[in-house]
Protein backbone atom coordinates (compact mmCIF):
# COMPACT_ATOMS: atom_id res chain seq x y z
CA MET A 1 12.28 30.52 14.78
CA LEU A 2 12.63 32.08 11.35
CA PRO A 3 16.12 32.69 10.09
CA GLU A 4 17.48 36.26 9.72
CA ASN A 5 18.99 35.59 6.58
CA LEU A 6 17.89 33.13 3.78
CA GLY A 7 20.82 33.06 1.39
CA SER A 8 21.08 36.47 -0.23
CA VAL A 9 17.50 37.52 0.93
CA GLN A 10 17.30 39.41 4.02
CA VAL A 11 14.26 38.42 5.97
CA ASN A 12 12.76 40.80 8.59
CA TYR A 13 11.32 38.60 11.36
CA PRO A 14 8.44 40.74 12.36
CA ASP A 15 7.23 41.09 8.82
CA TRP A 16 7.19 37.22 8.70
CA LEU A 17 4.84 37.14 11.91
CA ALA A 18 2.52 39.71 10.18
CA VAL A 19 2.37 37.53 7.09
CA TRP A 20 1.59 34.35 9.06
CA ASP A 21 -0.97 36.19 11.24
CA ARG A 22 -2.75 37.62 8.26
CA ALA A 23 -2.86 34.48 6.33
CA ALA A 24 -4.19 32.62 9.51
CA VAL A 25 -6.94 35.11 10.06
CA SER A 26 -7.97 35.11 6.58
CA ILE A 27 -8.12 31.40 6.31
CA THR A 28 -9.73 31.11 9.49
CA THR A 29 -12.43 33.58 8.96
CA ALA A 30 -13.43 31.94 5.61
CA LEU A 31 -13.49 28.38 6.95
CA CYS A 32 -15.36 29.51 10.02
CA VAL A 33 -17.93 31.28 8.13
CA PHE A 34 -18.42 28.22 5.85
CA LEU A 35 -18.46 25.41 8.70
CA MET A 36 -20.57 27.46 11.08
CA GLY A 37 -23.17 28.38 8.10
CA SER A 38 -23.41 24.88 6.93
CA GLY A 39 -23.41 23.49 10.48
CA LEU A 40 -26.30 25.52 11.52
CA LEU A 41 -28.10 24.87 8.35
CA MET A 42 -27.56 21.07 8.94
CA VAL A 43 -28.99 21.26 12.43
CA LEU A 44 -31.79 23.58 11.99
CA ASP A 45 -33.07 22.21 8.59
CA PRO A 46 -31.68 18.89 7.85
CA SER A 47 -34.16 18.10 5.22
CA GLY A 48 -33.54 21.33 3.34
CA TRP A 49 -29.82 20.92 3.41
CA HIS A 50 -30.38 17.27 2.21
CA GLN A 51 -32.22 18.33 -0.80
CA SER A 52 -30.37 21.36 -1.52
CA GLY A 53 -26.76 20.00 -2.00
CA PRO A 54 -26.06 18.53 -5.55
CA GLY A 55 -26.02 14.72 -5.33
CA LEU A 56 -26.84 14.65 -1.53
CA ALA A 57 -30.22 13.07 -2.02
CA ALA A 58 -28.72 10.44 -4.49
CA GLN A 59 -26.16 9.20 -1.98
CA GLY A 60 -28.82 7.61 0.26
CA GLY A 61 -31.72 7.83 2.45
CA PHE A 62 -32.52 10.98 4.47
CA ASN A 63 -31.10 10.62 8.14
CA PRO A 64 -31.92 13.64 10.09
CA TYR A 65 -29.88 12.25 13.15
CA LEU A 66 -26.65 11.75 11.11
CA ILE A 67 -27.01 15.33 9.28
CA ARG A 68 -27.68 17.01 12.61
CA SER A 69 -24.56 15.28 14.11
CA VAL A 70 -22.18 16.17 11.37
CA GLY A 71 -23.53 19.71 11.55
CA ALA A 72 -22.99 20.14 15.08
CA ALA A 73 -19.45 18.80 14.59
CA ASN A 74 -18.85 21.23 11.82
CA ALA A 75 -19.97 24.11 14.13
CA LEU A 76 -17.91 22.80 17.06
CA ALA A 77 -14.93 22.93 14.47
CA ALA A 78 -15.82 26.41 13.59
CA THR A 79 -15.95 27.31 17.15
CA LEU A 80 -12.60 25.81 17.83
CA LEU A 81 -11.02 27.62 15.11
CA ASP A 82 -12.41 30.97 16.15
CA ARG A 83 -11.16 30.57 19.59
CA GLY A 84 -7.68 29.86 18.17
CA LEU A 85 -7.70 33.30 16.83
CA THR A 86 -8.62 34.94 20.30
CA ARG A 87 -6.46 32.65 22.34
CA PRO A 88 -3.00 32.49 20.62
CA SER A 89 -1.37 30.37 23.42
CA LYS A 90 -4.10 27.68 22.80
CA ARG A 91 -4.12 28.07 18.99
CA PRO A 92 -1.96 24.93 18.30
CA ALA A 93 -4.26 22.64 20.23
CA LEU A 94 -7.53 24.14 19.11
CA TRP A 95 -6.69 24.05 15.43
CA ARG A 96 -5.31 20.54 15.79
CA LEU A 97 -8.74 19.41 17.24
CA ALA A 98 -10.70 21.03 14.51
CA SER A 99 -8.46 19.75 11.87
CA SER A 100 -8.63 16.18 13.23
CA TRP A 101 -12.46 16.21 12.85
CA LEU A 102 -12.34 17.57 9.48
CA CYS A 103 -9.50 15.48 8.05
CA ALA A 104 -11.15 12.14 9.61
CA ARG A 105 -14.35 12.98 7.73
CA ALA A 106 -12.42 13.70 4.53
CA ILE A 107 -10.87 10.23 4.89
CA VAL A 108 -14.21 8.60 5.35
CA HIS A 109 -15.69 10.61 2.20
CA PHE A 110 -12.69 9.57 0.05
CA ILE A 111 -13.01 6.08 0.91
CA GLU A 112 -16.83 6.06 -0.01
CA VAL A 113 -16.40 8.13 -3.18
CA SER A 114 -13.63 5.92 -4.44
CA SER A 115 -16.13 2.99 -4.73
CA PRO A 116 -17.66 2.67 -8.27
CA ALA A 117 -21.12 3.17 -7.11
CA HIS A 118 -20.62 6.84 -6.44
CA ALA A 119 -21.18 9.34 -9.25
CA PHE A 120 -18.87 12.07 -10.33
CA GLU A 121 -21.34 14.68 -9.08
CA VAL A 122 -20.79 13.35 -5.43
CA ALA A 123 -16.90 13.57 -5.84
CA THR A 124 -17.14 17.35 -6.82
CA THR A 125 -19.59 17.94 -4.11
CA ASP A 126 -17.14 16.39 -1.67
CA ALA A 127 -14.21 18.34 -3.00
CA VAL A 128 -15.78 21.71 -2.20
CA GLY A 129 -17.72 20.74 1.11
CA VAL A 130 -15.41 18.13 2.69
CA TYR A 131 -11.77 18.08 1.13
CA LEU A 132 -11.16 21.67 0.92
CA PRO A 133 -12.16 22.60 4.46
CA ALA A 134 -9.90 19.66 5.55
CA MET A 135 -6.95 20.91 3.49
CA MET A 136 -7.54 24.56 4.71
CA SER A 137 -7.64 23.34 8.41
CA MET A 138 -4.25 21.36 7.88
CA VAL A 139 -2.81 24.84 6.56
CA LEU A 140 -4.10 26.44 9.67
CA TRP A 141 -2.65 23.95 12.11
CA LYS A 142 0.66 24.44 10.32
CA LEU A 143 0.40 28.10 10.47
CA GLY A 144 -0.73 28.15 14.04
CA THR A 145 2.27 25.90 15.14
CA ALA A 146 4.86 27.62 12.84
CA SER A 147 4.08 31.24 14.19
CA PRO A 148 6.05 31.60 17.40
CA ARG A 149 3.71 34.32 18.34
CA HIS A 150 1.46 32.18 20.21
CA LEU A 151 4.49 31.34 22.62
CA HIS A 152 4.62 35.10 23.47
CA ASP A 153 0.97 36.01 23.72
CA GLY A 154 -1.15 35.22 26.83
CA ASP A 155 -4.81 34.68 27.09
């Protein structure tokens, strides 16, 4: 529960709930659009996705099975995030699941990019396509568990 008084600053509790909710909706919407869009592209056109990303083709051979698998997992993460918006009581669990996938993938990418064999171009592509979504999902997870609204809303 948020305190009613933070030192000399008066806090209106319902206003904080509105701020949490607006932030969560904005971040979730952006992340869902990105993850679902990239996920569907990876599933439907793995070759086109592999050729379109800067540095992707240089990372290794074309593996449509791997690309489709990651794309399906990204689309699932987008679905979990979206369901968290529409089912507030389930939000912490749904967002935790989505964040777990995105963060695990980011850790694997970070370990791979840390090797001297990878170019700077790969690191910058990963920053936008892998690390940023993982960080955004962690913020969502925190917003989803910090807001007590999910305790009061039913599904």
